[in-house]
Amino acid sequence: MPNSSNYTADNPQSSSQTPNAAIAAQPSYIVLPRANELAGKQYHTVVEFLVDHFKQIDASVWQQRIKDGKVHWQNGELITADSVYQATAKVYYYREVLAETKVPFAEQVLYQDLDTIVVYKPHFLPVTPGGNYVNECLVHRLRIATQIDTVAPAHRLDKDTAGVMLMTLNPQTRHAYHQLFLDDKITKDYQAIAKLTPRLVSELADNTCTLPIHWTVKNRIVAANPSFTMQVVEGEANSHSEISLVAVKNGFGLFELSPITGKTHQLRVHMQSLGMPILHDRFYPVLQPKGPDNFDKPLQLLAKRLRFTDPISAIEQDFQCQGLDF
């Protein structure tokens, strides 16, 4: 049966990790909106805006952050409780969480040059800070490991998905790598494990069908409720995946997937639409109650291979990581 990520830390722990309070090592920032972007609202001070904009954060938290010198302008000058609101100015602050769980799996560098670094991202590790994660993310780990503060992702990969990621190092060439994804000049290959439908198990058993079995999935995917999940609806297709079943064991199948488009959760939704949701998926087909990550049951979805022509060197690049345990 599939287990956790192929690349792990020296002493991976179970899901009973004890969360600790954490503050981001790198600041986030927000641009103060112009008057015509405020829907009639007026702010005299920066703190008034912050309290109103970040409604989930109590006013006392912002007051304490400002008192502690954790909020400043772009030039480094500290913002005080009386600092006047300045439209279009950037306000820098340090995200804090009361409980950040250590992700006990390690990233692995596969390749590095002056412009890029290609890495294996383990399951459960966010790419960038968000939610209850400020320092436990791929970007922060790589900035520490490389001592390069300009590390940034060239594309997205879900926190729950493991696999190959292209990161950029050079702000001067970053756009060229972003453009590869915008122009569909990147080839991405995934693996997934899912429980087979009873009908498929029966057809394979009596040799009605043989491996590999291929599906072309095209449908319309839109945000569902809650908005971080997706659903298939009627209408013109805006998503396309090529999916093949390549191996079978004990009622489970190993699938190879090629997303032609790049909608959020596309492969997860497309596997669900085939009646075979990916193993250990907490969103599909039914959203599971929110709770701590179970490090013993990672989502069995892996971004296994990334191929592209480097826009700077013109070299044909082909990066792979070890496949899922099947």
C-alpha atoms as a PDB file:
ATOM      1  CA  MET A   1       0.000   0.000   0.000  1.00  0.00           C
ATOM      2  CA  PRO A   2       1.253   3.512  -0.770  1.00  0.00           C
ATOM      3  CA  ASN A   3       3.033   5.279   2.060  1.00  0.00           C
ATOM      4  CA  SER A   4       4.440   8.751   2.658  1.00  0.00           C
ATOM      5  CA  SER A   5       6.757  10.893   0.551  1.00  0.00           C
ATOM      6  CA  ASN A   6       9.757   9.223  -1.031  1.00  0.00           C
ATOM      7  CA  TYR A   7      12.202  11.823   0.292  1.00  0.00           C
ATOM      8  CA  THR A   8      11.942  12.281   4.045  1.00  0.00           C
ATOM      9  CA  ALA A   9      13.748  13.998   6.838  1.00  0.00           C
ATOM     10  CA  ASP A  10      16.129  11.946   8.983  1.00  0.00           C
ATOM     11  CA  ASN A  11      13.506  11.274  11.639  1.00  0.00           C
ATOM     12  CA  PRO A  12      10.015  11.760  10.213  1.00  0.00           C
ATOM     13  CA  GLN A  13       7.348  12.007  12.877  1.00  0.00           C
ATOM     14  CA  SER A  14       3.691  11.085  12.835  1.00  0.00           C
ATOM     15  CA  SER A  15       0.786  13.514  12.707  1.00  0.00           C
ATOM     16  CA  SER A  16       1.019  14.090  16.471  1.00  0.00           C
ATOM     17  CA  GLN A  17       3.489  16.944  15.972  1.00  0.00           C
ATOM     18  CA  THR A  18       3.228  19.709  18.574  1.00  0.00           C
ATOM     19  CA  PRO A  19       2.623  23.098  16.912  1.00  0.00           C
ATOM     20  CA  ASN A  20       4.714  26.065  18.024  1.00  0.00           C
ATOM     21  CA  ALA A  21       4.190  29.799  17.669  1.00  0.00           C
ATOM     22  CA  ALA A  22       6.120  31.302  14.758  1.00  0.00           C
ATOM     23  CA  ILE A  23       6.849  34.624  13.078  1.00  0.00           C
ATOM     24  CA  ALA A  24       7.800  34.924   9.425  1.00  0.00           C
ATOM     25  CA  ALA A  25      11.494  35.452   8.697  1.00  0.00           C
ATOM     26  CA  GLN A  26      10.626  37.499   5.596  1.00  0.00           C
ATOM     27  CA  PRO A  27       8.084  40.356   5.639  1.00  0.00           C
ATOM     28  CA  SER A  28       4.875  40.460   3.640  1.00  0.00           C
ATOM     29  CA  TYR A  29       3.574  43.761   2.312  1.00  0.00           C
ATOM     30  CA  ILE A  30       0.364  45.407   1.237  1.00  0.00           C
ATOM     31  CA  VAL A  31      -0.068  48.449  -1.014  1.00  0.00           C
ATOM     32  CA  LEU A  32      -2.356  51.062   0.534  1.00  0.00           C
ATOM     33  CA  PRO A  33      -5.291  51.549  -1.887  1.00  0.00           C
ATOM     34  CA  ARG A  34      -6.134  54.832  -3.597  1.00  0.00           C
ATOM     35  CA  ALA A  35      -9.278  56.708  -2.553  1.00  0.00           C
ATOM     36  CA  ASN A  36     -11.253  55.412  -5.563  1.00  0.00           C
ATOM     37  CA  GLU A  37     -10.457  51.840  -4.495  1.00  0.00           C
ATOM     38  CA  LEU A  38     -11.830  52.185  -0.969  1.00  0.00           C
ATOM     39  CA  ALA A  39     -15.585  52.093  -1.710  1.00  0.00           C
ATOM     40  CA  GLY A  40     -16.144  55.363   0.133  1.00  0.00           C
ATOM     41  CA  LYS A  41     -14.108  54.454   3.200  1.00  0.00           C
ATOM     42  CA  GLN A  42     -11.582  56.877   4.681  1.00  0.00           C
ATOM     43  CA  TYR A  43      -8.567  56.112   6.845  1.00  0.00           C
ATOM     44  CA  HIS A  44      -6.547  58.686   8.741  1.00  0.00           C
ATOM     45  CA  THR A  45      -3.850  56.311   9.972  1.00  0.00           C
ATOM     46  CA  VAL A  46      -2.185  53.160   8.692  1.00  0.00           C
ATOM     47  CA  VAL A  47      -3.318  51.146  11.701  1.00  0.00           C
ATOM     48  CA  GLU A  48      -6.965  52.067  11.000  1.00  0.00           C
ATOM     49  CA  PHE A  49      -6.616  50.523   7.548  1.00  0.00           C
ATOM     50  CA  LEU A  50      -4.829  47.404   8.785  1.00  0.00           C
ATOM     51  CA  VAL A  51      -7.455  46.705  11.448  1.00  0.00           C
ATOM     52  CA  ASP A  52     -10.295  47.148   8.960  1.00  0.00           C
ATOM     53  CA  HIS A  53      -8.632  45.230   6.109  1.00  0.00           C
ATOM     54  CA  PHE A  54      -7.449  42.226   8.132  1.00  0.00           C
ATOM     55  CA  LYS A  55     -10.688  41.586   9.994  1.00  0.00           C
ATOM     56  CA  GLN A  56      -9.519  38.210  11.273  1.00  0.00           C
ATOM     57  CA  ILE A  57      -6.719  39.906  13.254  1.00  0.00           C
ATOM     58  CA  ASP A  58      -7.707  41.742  16.426  1.00  0.00           C
ATOM     59  CA  ALA A  59      -6.851  45.443  16.705  1.00  0.00           C
ATOM     60  CA  SER A  60      -4.759  44.738  19.797  1.00  0.00           C
ATOM     61  CA  VAL A  61      -2.524  42.435  17.723  1.00  0.00           C
ATOM     62  CA  TRP A  62      -1.734  45.203  15.241  1.00  0.00           C
ATOM     63  CA  GLN A  63      -1.139  47.669  18.063  1.00  0.00           C
ATOM     64  CA  GLN A  64       1.330  45.256  19.665  1.00  0.00           C
ATOM     65  CA  ARG A  65       3.088  44.557  16.351  1.00  0.00           C
ATOM     66  CA  ILE A  66       3.548  48.277  15.794  1.00  0.00           C
ATOM     67  CA  LYS A  67       4.777  48.738  19.362  1.00  0.00           C
ATOM     68  CA  ASP A  68       7.291  45.902  18.792  1.00  0.00           C
ATOM     69  CA  GLY A  69       8.609  47.483  15.582  1.00  0.00           C
ATOM     70  CA  LYS A  70       7.197  44.770  13.308  1.00  0.00           C
ATOM     71  CA  VAL A  71       5.462  47.114  10.838  1.00  0.00           C
ATOM     72  CA  HIS A  72       7.401  49.480   8.587  1.00  0.00           C
ATOM     73  CA  TRP A  73       7.458  51.412   5.327  1.00  0.00           C
ATOM     74  CA  GLN A  74       9.370  50.201   2.263  1.00  0.00           C
ATOM     75  CA  ASN A  75      12.429  52.255   3.261  1.00  0.00           C
ATOM     76  CA  GLY A  76      12.564  50.541   6.659  1.00  0.00           C
ATOM     77  CA  GLU A  77      11.155  53.458   8.654  1.00  0.00           C
ATOM     78  CA  LEU A  78       8.963  52.128  11.453  1.00  0.00           C
ATOM     79  CA  ILE A  79       5.240  52.779  11.335  1.00  0.00           C
ATOM     80  CA  THR A  80       3.748  54.112  14.563  1.00  0.00           C
ATOM     81  CA  ALA A  81       0.204  54.256  15.875  1.00  0.00           C
ATOM     82  CA  ASP A  82      -0.016  57.804  14.491  1.00  0.00           C
ATOM     83  CA  SER A  83       1.520  57.202  11.040  1.00  0.00           C
ATOM     84  CA  VAL A  84      -0.663  58.880   8.426  1.00  0.00           C
ATOM     85  CA  TYR A  85      -2.315  56.810   5.694  1.00  0.00           C
ATOM     86  CA  GLN A  86      -0.474  57.288   2.376  1.00  0.00           C
ATOM     87  CA  ALA A  87      -2.203  55.916  -0.721  1.00  0.00           C
ATOM     88  CA  THR A  88      -0.031  53.651  -2.955  1.00  0.00           C
ATOM     89  CA  ALA A  89       2.654  53.303  -0.242  1.00  0.00           C
ATOM     90  CA  LYS A  90       3.822  49.811   0.686  1.00  0.00           C
ATOM     91  CA  VAL A  91       3.386  48.681   4.292  1.00  0.00           C
ATOM     92  CA  TYR A  92       5.575  45.767   5.391  1.00  0.00           C
ATOM     93  CA  TYR A  93       4.625  43.455   8.248  1.00  0.00           C
ATOM     94  CA  TYR A  94       5.625  40.058   9.608  1.00  0.00           C
ATOM     95  CA  ARG A  95       2.999  37.346   9.603  1.00  0.00           C
ATOM     96  CA  GLU A  96       2.632  35.504  12.897  1.00  0.00           C
ATOM     97  CA  VAL A  97       0.824  32.313  13.831  1.00  0.00           C
ATOM     98  CA  LEU A  98       0.165  30.893  17.269  1.00  0.00           C
ATOM     99  CA  ALA A  99       0.664  27.298  16.118  1.00  0.00           C
ATOM    100  CA  GLU A 100       2.896  26.259  13.217  1.00  0.00           C
ATOM    101  CA  THR A 101       3.432  22.520  12.805  1.00  0.00           C
ATOM    102  CA  LYS A 102       6.835  21.289  11.682  1.00  0.00           C
ATOM    103  CA  VAL A 103       6.556  19.356   8.407  1.00  0.00           C
ATOM    104  CA  PRO A 104       8.801  16.307   8.940  1.00  0.00           C
ATOM    105  CA  PHE A 105       9.687  15.742   5.286  1.00  0.00           C
ATOM    106  CA  ALA A 106      12.635  17.256   3.419  1.00  0.00           C
ATOM    107  CA  GLU A 107      12.887  18.895   0.029  1.00  0.00           C
ATOM    108  CA  GLN A 108      15.641  17.746  -2.342  1.00  0.00           C
ATOM    109  CA  VAL A 109      17.543  19.918  -4.814  1.00  0.00           C
ATOM    110  CA  LEU A 110      17.655  18.259  -8.237  1.00  0.00           C
ATOM    111  CA  TYR A 111      19.404  21.027 -10.208  1.00  0.00           C
ATOM    112  CA  GLN A 112      20.637  24.604  -9.800  1.00  0.00           C
ATOM    113  CA  ASP A 113      22.117  27.285 -12.059  1.00  0.00           C
ATOM    114  CA  LEU A 114      22.312  31.082 -11.899  1.00  0.00           C
ATOM    115  CA  ASP A 115      18.653  31.563 -12.826  1.00  0.00           C
ATOM    116  CA  THR A 116      16.792  28.557 -11.462  1.00  0.00           C
ATOM    117  CA  ILE A 117      16.699  25.831  -8.880  1.00  0.00           C
ATOM    118  CA  VAL A 118      14.681  22.659  -9.472  1.00  0.00           C
ATOM    119  CA  VAL A 119      13.573  20.786  -6.368  1.00  0.00           C
ATOM    120  CA  TYR A 120      11.483  17.897  -5.143  1.00  0.00           C
ATOM    121  CA  LYS A 121       8.768  19.303  -2.830  1.00  0.00           C
ATOM    122  CA  PRO A 122       7.464  16.811  -0.263  1.00  0.00           C
ATOM    123  CA  HIS A 123       3.832  16.270   0.600  1.00  0.00           C
ATOM    124  CA  PHE A 124       2.298  18.630   3.206  1.00  0.00           C
ATOM    125  CA  LEU A 125       4.845  21.441   2.641  1.00  0.00           C
ATOM    126  CA  PRO A 126       3.353  24.699   1.288  1.00  0.00           C
ATOM    127  CA  VAL A 127       5.305  26.457  -1.452  1.00  0.00           C
ATOM    128  CA  THR A 128       4.785  29.928   0.036  1.00  0.00           C
ATOM    129  CA  PRO A 129       3.597  31.231   3.430  1.00  0.00           C
ATOM    130  CA  GLY A 130      -0.131  31.033   4.047  1.00  0.00           C
ATOM    131  CA  GLY A 131      -2.700  30.070   6.652  1.00  0.00           C
ATOM    132  CA  ASN A 132      -0.936  28.566   9.662  1.00  0.00           C
ATOM    133  CA  TYR A 133       2.398  28.360   7.843  1.00  0.00           C
ATOM    134  CA  VAL A 134       4.919  31.196   7.862  1.00  0.00           C
ATOM    135  CA  ASN A 135       8.351  29.538   7.918  1.00  0.00           C
ATOM    136  CA  GLU A 136       7.391  25.938   7.164  1.00  0.00           C
ATOM    137  CA  CYS A 137       7.260  26.480   3.413  1.00  0.00           C
ATOM    138  CA  LEU A 138       9.469  25.610   0.452  1.00  0.00           C
ATOM    139  CA  VAL A 139      10.493  29.194  -0.310  1.00  0.00           C
ATOM    140  CA  HIS A 140      11.737  29.852   3.223  1.00  0.00           C
ATOM    141  CA  ARG A 141      13.595  26.544   3.425  1.00  0.00           C
ATOM    142  CA  LEU A 142      15.358  27.188   0.117  1.00  0.00           C
ATOM    143  CA  ARG A 143      16.276  30.754   1.059  1.00  0.00           C
ATOM    144  CA  ILE A 144      17.997  29.389   4.151  1.00  0.00           C
ATOM    145  CA  ALA A 145      19.669  26.499   2.316  1.00  0.00           C
ATOM    146  CA  THR A 146      20.938  28.587  -0.609  1.00  0.00           C
ATOM    147  CA  GLN A 147      21.429  31.909   1.205  1.00  0.00           C
ATOM    148  CA  ILE A 148      19.628  33.480  -1.771  1.00  0.00           C
ATOM    149  CA  ASP A 149      16.783  35.771  -0.682  1.00  0.00           C
ATOM    150  CA  THR A 150      15.326  36.046  -4.194  1.00  0.00           C
ATOM    151  CA  VAL A 151      14.107  32.433  -4.397  1.00  0.00           C
ATOM    152  CA  ALA A 152      10.548  32.441  -5.770  1.00  0.00           C
ATOM    153  CA  PRO A 153       8.268  29.850  -7.404  1.00  0.00           C
ATOM    154  CA  ALA A 154       7.797  29.836 -11.167  1.00  0.00           C
ATOM    155  CA  HIS A 155       4.470  27.990 -10.840  1.00  0.00           C
ATOM    156  CA  ARG A 156       1.974  26.522  -8.357  1.00  0.00           C
ATOM    157  CA  LEU A 157       1.888  23.148  -6.642  1.00  0.00           C
ATOM    158  CA  ASP A 158      -0.674  22.333  -3.963  1.00  0.00           C
ATOM    159  CA  LYS A 159       0.514  21.898  -0.395  1.00  0.00           C
ATOM    160  CA  ASP A 160      -0.885  18.359  -0.423  1.00  0.00           C
ATOM    161  CA  THR A 161       0.872  17.390  -3.678  1.00  0.00           C
ATOM    162  CA  ALA A 162       4.511  16.305  -3.836  1.00  0.00           C
ATOM    163  CA  GLY A 163       6.870  16.490  -6.774  1.00  0.00           C
ATOM    164  CA  VAL A 164       9.152  18.455  -9.065  1.00  0.00           C
ATOM    165  CA  MET A 165       9.034  22.256  -8.864  1.00  0.00           C
ATOM    166  CA  LEU A 166      10.825  24.955 -10.828  1.00  0.00           C
ATOM    167  CA  MET A 167      11.944  27.892  -8.687  1.00  0.00           C
ATOM    168  CA  THR A 168      13.542  31.097  -9.941  1.00  0.00           C
ATOM    169  CA  LEU A 169      16.573  32.814  -8.415  1.00  0.00           C
ATOM    170  CA  ASN A 170      17.204  35.847 -10.622  1.00  0.00           C
ATOM    171  CA  PRO A 171      14.585  38.648 -10.608  1.00  0.00           C
ATOM    172  CA  GLN A 172      15.955  39.861 -13.950  1.00  0.00           C
ATOM    173  CA  THR A 173      15.083  36.603 -15.742  1.00  0.00           C
ATOM    174  CA  ARG A 174      12.098  35.493 -13.637  1.00  0.00           C
ATOM    175  CA  HIS A 175       9.517  36.677 -16.161  1.00  0.00           C
ATOM    176  CA  ALA A 176      10.942  34.403 -18.860  1.00  0.00           C
ATOM    177  CA  TYR A 177      10.219  31.333 -16.738  1.00  0.00           C
ATOM    178  CA  HIS A 178       6.746  32.533 -15.750  1.00  0.00           C
ATOM    179  CA  GLN A 179       6.043  33.005 -19.449  1.00  0.00           C
ATOM    180  CA  LEU A 180       6.801  29.341 -20.147  1.00  0.00           C
ATOM    181  CA  PHE A 181       3.750  28.377 -18.100  1.00  0.00           C
ATOM    182  CA  LEU A 182       1.564  31.150 -19.504  1.00  0.00           C
ATOM    183  CA  ASP A 183       2.425  30.053 -23.054  1.00  0.00           C
ATOM    184  CA  ASP A 184       1.947  26.327 -22.303  1.00  0.00           C
ATOM    185  CA  LYS A 185       5.567  25.575 -23.150  1.00  0.00           C
ATOM    186  CA  ILE A 186       6.015  23.305 -20.122  1.00  0.00           C
ATOM    187  CA  THR A 187       5.220  19.585 -20.159  1.00  0.00           C
ATOM    188  CA  LYS A 188       4.121  18.224 -16.771  1.00  0.00           C
ATOM    189  CA  ASP A 189       3.625  14.544 -15.998  1.00  0.00           C
ATOM    190  CA  TYR A 190       1.995  13.283 -12.796  1.00  0.00           C
ATOM    191  CA  GLN A 191       1.361   9.992 -11.043  1.00  0.00           C
ATOM    192  CA  ALA A 192      -1.625   9.165  -8.859  1.00  0.00           C
ATOM    193  CA  ILE A 193      -2.989   6.173  -6.976  1.00  0.00           C
ATOM    194  CA  ALA A 194      -6.726   5.583  -6.621  1.00  0.00           C
ATOM    195  CA  LYS A 195      -9.170   2.825  -5.759  1.00  0.00           C
ATOM    196  CA  LEU A 196     -10.621   1.339  -8.942  1.00  0.00           C
ATOM    197  CA  THR A 197     -14.352   1.276  -9.621  1.00  0.00           C
ATOM    198  CA  PRO A 198     -16.018  -2.129  -9.100  1.00  0.00           C
ATOM    199  CA  ARG A 199     -16.869  -2.229 -12.806  1.00  0.00           C
ATOM    200  CA  LEU A 200     -13.263  -1.655 -13.813  1.00  0.00           C
ATOM    201  CA  VAL A 201     -12.043  -4.319 -11.388  1.00  0.00           C
ATOM    202  CA  SER A 202     -14.525  -6.766 -12.919  1.00  0.00           C
ATOM    203  CA  GLU A 203     -13.593  -5.919 -16.505  1.00  0.00           C
ATOM    204  CA  LEU A 204      -9.899  -6.341 -15.770  1.00  0.00           C
ATOM    205  CA  ALA A 205     -10.534  -9.650 -14.007  1.00  0.00           C
ATOM    206  CA  ASP A 206     -12.403 -11.182 -16.949  1.00  0.00           C
ATOM    207  CA  ASN A 207     -10.095  -9.590 -19.551  1.00  0.00           C
ATOM    208  CA  THR A 208     -12.883  -7.462 -21.005  1.00  0.00           C
ATOM    209  CA  CYS A 209     -10.286  -4.685 -21.014  1.00  0.00           C
ATOM    210  CA  THR A 210      -6.508  -4.671 -20.730  1.00  0.00           C
ATOM    211  CA  LEU A 211      -3.872  -2.202 -19.603  1.00  0.00           C
ATOM    212  CA  PRO A 212      -3.119   0.531 -20.324  1.00  0.00           C
ATOM    213  CA  ILE A 213      -6.552   2.149 -20.254  1.00  0.00           C
ATOM    214  CA  HIS A 214      -6.768   5.771 -21.367  1.00  0.00           C
ATOM    215  CA  TRP A 215      -9.231   8.595 -20.726  1.00  0.00           C
ATOM    216  CA  THR A 216      -9.411  12.067 -22.242  1.00  0.00           C
ATOM    217  CA  VAL A 217     -11.193  14.270 -19.710  1.00  0.00           C
ATOM    218  CA  LYS A 218     -12.568  17.650 -20.787  1.00  0.00           C
ATOM    219  CA  ASN A 219     -15.107  19.572 -18.731  1.00  0.00           C
ATOM    220  CA  ARG A 220     -15.863  22.894 -17.097  1.00  0.00           C
ATOM    221  CA  ILE A 221     -14.366  23.440 -13.631  1.00  0.00           C
ATOM    222  CA  VAL A 222     -15.438  26.352 -11.411  1.00  0.00           C
ATOM    223  CA  ALA A 223     -15.105  27.275  -7.754  1.00  0.00           C
ATOM    224  CA  ALA A 224     -17.475  25.428  -5.427  1.00  0.00           C
ATOM    225  CA  ASN A 225     -18.582  26.071  -1.845  1.00  0.00           C
ATOM    226  CA  PRO A 226     -16.340  26.529   0.082  1.00  0.00           C
ATOM    227  CA  SER A 227     -14.414  28.523  -2.506  1.00  0.00           C
ATOM    228  CA  PHE A 228     -11.122  26.654  -2.053  1.00  0.00           C
ATOM    229  CA  THR A 229     -12.745  23.568  -3.603  1.00  0.00           C
ATOM    230  CA  MET A 230     -13.700  23.070  -7.253  1.00  0.00           C
ATOM    231  CA  GLN A 231     -16.563  21.374  -9.076  1.00  0.00           C
ATOM    232  CA  VAL A 232     -17.582  20.276 -12.570  1.00  0.00           C
ATOM    233  CA  VAL A 233     -20.551  22.159 -14.067  1.00  0.00           C
ATOM    234  CA  GLU A 234     -22.367  22.261 -17.389  1.00  0.00           C
ATOM    235  CA  GLY A 235     -20.915  24.520 -20.051  1.00  0.00           C
ATOM    236  CA  GLU A 236     -17.982  24.914 -22.388  1.00  0.00           C
ATOM    237  CA  ALA A 237     -14.948  22.934 -21.257  1.00  0.00           C
ATOM    238  CA  ASN A 238     -12.147  24.978 -19.700  1.00  0.00           C
ATOM    239  CA  SER A 239     -10.062  22.034 -18.479  1.00  0.00           C
ATOM    240  CA  HIS A 240      -8.369  19.100 -20.209  1.00  0.00           C
ATOM    241  CA  SER A 241      -6.397  16.155 -18.831  1.00  0.00           C
ATOM    242  CA  GLU A 242      -5.041  12.969 -20.382  1.00  0.00           C
ATOM    243  CA  ILE A 243      -5.171  10.075 -17.884  1.00  0.00           C
ATOM    244  CA  SER A 244      -3.934   6.491 -18.218  1.00  0.00           C
ATOM    245  CA  LEU A 245      -4.232   3.496 -15.895  1.00  0.00           C
ATOM    246  CA  VAL A 246      -0.889   1.693 -16.176  1.00  0.00           C
ATOM    247  CA  ALA A 247      -0.777  -0.783 -13.268  1.00  0.00           C
ATOM    248  CA  VAL A 248      -3.195  -2.534 -10.905  1.00  0.00           C
ATOM    249  CA  LYS A 249      -2.734  -4.113  -7.473  1.00  0.00           C
ATOM    250  CA  ASN A 250      -5.259  -5.231  -4.833  1.00  0.00           C
ATOM    251  CA  GLY A 251      -8.078  -3.147  -6.252  1.00  0.00           C
ATOM    252  CA  PHE A 252      -5.970   0.013  -6.589  1.00  0.00           C
ATOM    253  CA  GLY A 253      -4.560   1.548  -9.741  1.00  0.00           C
ATOM    254  CA  LEU A 254      -1.447   3.521 -10.642  1.00  0.00           C
ATOM    255  CA  PHE A 255      -2.290   6.329 -13.038  1.00  0.00           C
ATOM    256  CA  GLU A 256      -0.201   8.568 -15.286  1.00  0.00           C
ATOM    257  CA  LEU A 257      -1.721  12.009 -15.761  1.00  0.00           C
ATOM    258  CA  SER A 258      -0.903  14.885 -18.114  1.00  0.00           C
ATOM    259  CA  PRO A 259      -2.731  18.158 -17.436  1.00  0.00           C
ATOM    260  CA  ILE A 260      -3.152  20.052 -20.709  1.00  0.00           C
ATOM    261  CA  THR A 261      -4.680  23.015 -18.887  1.00  0.00           C
ATOM    262  CA  GLY A 262      -3.859  24.195 -15.383  1.00  0.00           C
ATOM    263  CA  LYS A 263      -7.024  24.736 -13.359  1.00  0.00           C
ATOM    264  CA  THR A 264      -6.869  24.595  -9.565  1.00  0.00           C
ATOM    265  CA  HIS A 265      -7.208  20.988  -8.332  1.00  0.00           C
ATOM    266  CA  GLN A 266      -7.763  19.924 -11.940  1.00  0.00           C
ATOM    267  CA  LEU A 267      -6.299  16.426 -11.680  1.00  0.00           C
ATOM    268  CA  ARG A 268      -8.042  15.764  -8.374  1.00  0.00           C
ATOM    269  CA  VAL A 269     -11.402  16.825  -9.811  1.00  0.00           C
ATOM    270  CA  HIS A 270     -10.866  14.897 -13.044  1.00  0.00           C
ATOM    271  CA  MET A 271     -10.018  11.700 -11.167  1.00  0.00           C
ATOM    272  CA  GLN A 272     -13.160  12.174  -9.085  1.00  0.00           C
ATOM    273  CA  SER A 273     -15.183  12.662 -12.274  1.00  0.00           C
ATOM    274  CA  LEU A 274     -14.009   9.212 -13.405  1.00  0.00           C
ATOM    275  CA  GLY A 275     -15.354   7.747 -10.164  1.00  0.00           C
ATOM    276  CA  MET A 276     -11.853   7.165  -8.807  1.00  0.00           C
ATOM    277  CA  PRO A 277     -10.863   9.986  -6.410  1.00  0.00           C
ATOM    278  CA  ILE A 278      -7.171  10.040  -5.529  1.00  0.00           C
ATOM    279  CA  LEU A 279      -6.230   8.066  -2.434  1.00  0.00           C
ATOM    280  CA  HIS A 280      -6.182  10.123   0.796  1.00  0.00           C
ATOM    281  CA  ASP A 281      -7.792  13.174  -0.857  1.00  0.00           C
ATOM    282  CA  ARG A 282      -9.393  15.221   1.942  1.00  0.00           C
ATOM    283  CA  PHE A 283     -11.301  17.480  -0.478  1.00  0.00           C
ATOM    284  CA  TYR A 284     -12.819  15.100  -3.034  1.00  0.00           C
ATOM    285  CA  PRO A 285     -15.322  13.547  -3.377  1.00  0.00           C
ATOM    286  CA  VAL A 286     -16.405  14.851   0.065  1.00  0.00           C
ATOM    287  CA  LEU A 287     -14.705  17.652   1.986  1.00  0.00           C
ATOM    288  CA  GLN A 288     -13.380  16.191   5.230  1.00  0.00           C
ATOM    289  CA  PRO A 289     -13.579  18.080   8.557  1.00  0.00           C
ATOM    290  CA  LYS A 290     -10.658  20.410   9.132  1.00  0.00           C
ATOM    291  CA  GLY A 291      -7.985  18.881  11.328  1.00  0.00           C
ATOM    292  CA  PRO A 292      -4.241  18.334  11.640  1.00  0.00           C
ATOM    293  CA  ASP A 293      -2.432  16.756   8.707  1.00  0.00           C
ATOM    294  CA  ASN A 294      -2.033  13.000   8.938  1.00  0.00           C
ATOM    295  CA  PHE A 295       1.590  12.548   7.883  1.00  0.00           C
ATOM    296  CA  ASP A 296       0.991   8.805   7.515  1.00  0.00           C
ATOM    297  CA  LYS A 297      -1.585   9.340   4.757  1.00  0.00           C
ATOM    298  CA  PRO A 298      -0.329  11.821   2.151  1.00  0.00           C
ATOM    299  CA  LEU A 299      -2.412  12.558  -0.920  1.00  0.00           C
ATOM    300  CA  GLN A 300      -1.252  10.047  -3.516  1.00  0.00           C
ATOM    301  CA  LEU A 301      -0.567  12.611  -6.228  1.00  0.00           C
ATOM    302  CA  LEU A 302       2.940  13.345  -7.480  1.00  0.00           C
ATOM    303  CA  ALA A 303       4.299  15.854 -10.004  1.00  0.00           C
ATOM    304  CA  LYS A 304       6.817  13.360 -11.342  1.00  0.00           C
ATOM    305  CA  ARG A 305       8.338  15.063 -14.380  1.00  0.00           C
ATOM    306  CA  LEU A 306       8.896  18.572 -15.748  1.00  0.00           C
ATOM    307  CA  ARG A 307      10.167  19.243 -19.290  1.00  0.00           C
ATOM    308  CA  PHE A 308      10.881  22.540 -21.028  1.00  0.00           C
ATOM    309  CA  THR A 309      13.349  24.467 -23.155  1.00  0.00           C
ATOM    310  CA  ASP A 310      15.229  26.882 -20.921  1.00  0.00           C
ATOM    311  CA  PRO A 311      14.368  30.394 -22.184  1.00  0.00           C
ATOM    312  CA  ILE A 312      17.797  31.750 -21.231  1.00  0.00           C
ATOM    313  CA  SER A 313      20.224  28.963 -22.174  1.00  0.00           C
ATOM    314  CA  ALA A 314      18.013  27.282 -24.831  1.00  0.00           C
ATOM    315  CA  ILE A 315      18.938  23.916 -23.247  1.00  0.00           C
ATOM    316  CA  GLU A 316      16.308  21.157 -23.309  1.00  0.00           C
ATOM    317  CA  GLN A 317      15.610  20.413 -19.635  1.00  0.00           C
ATOM    318  CA  ASP A 318      14.026  17.214 -18.299  1.00  0.00           C
ATOM    319  CA  PHE A 319      13.687  16.718 -14.532  1.00  0.00           C
ATOM    320  CA  GLN A 320      12.185  13.731 -12.719  1.00  0.00           C
ATOM    321  CA  CYS A 321      11.796  12.481  -9.168  1.00  0.00           C
ATOM    322  CA  GLN A 322      11.224   8.999  -7.796  1.00  0.00           C
ATOM    323  CA  GLY A 323       7.715   7.671  -8.403  1.00  0.00           C
ATOM    324  CA  LEU A 324       5.000   6.812  -5.905  1.00  0.00           C
ATOM    325  CA  ASP A 325       5.379   3.618  -3.902  1.00  0.00           C
ATOM    326  CA  PHE A 326       2.995   1.144  -5.576  1.00  0.00           C
END
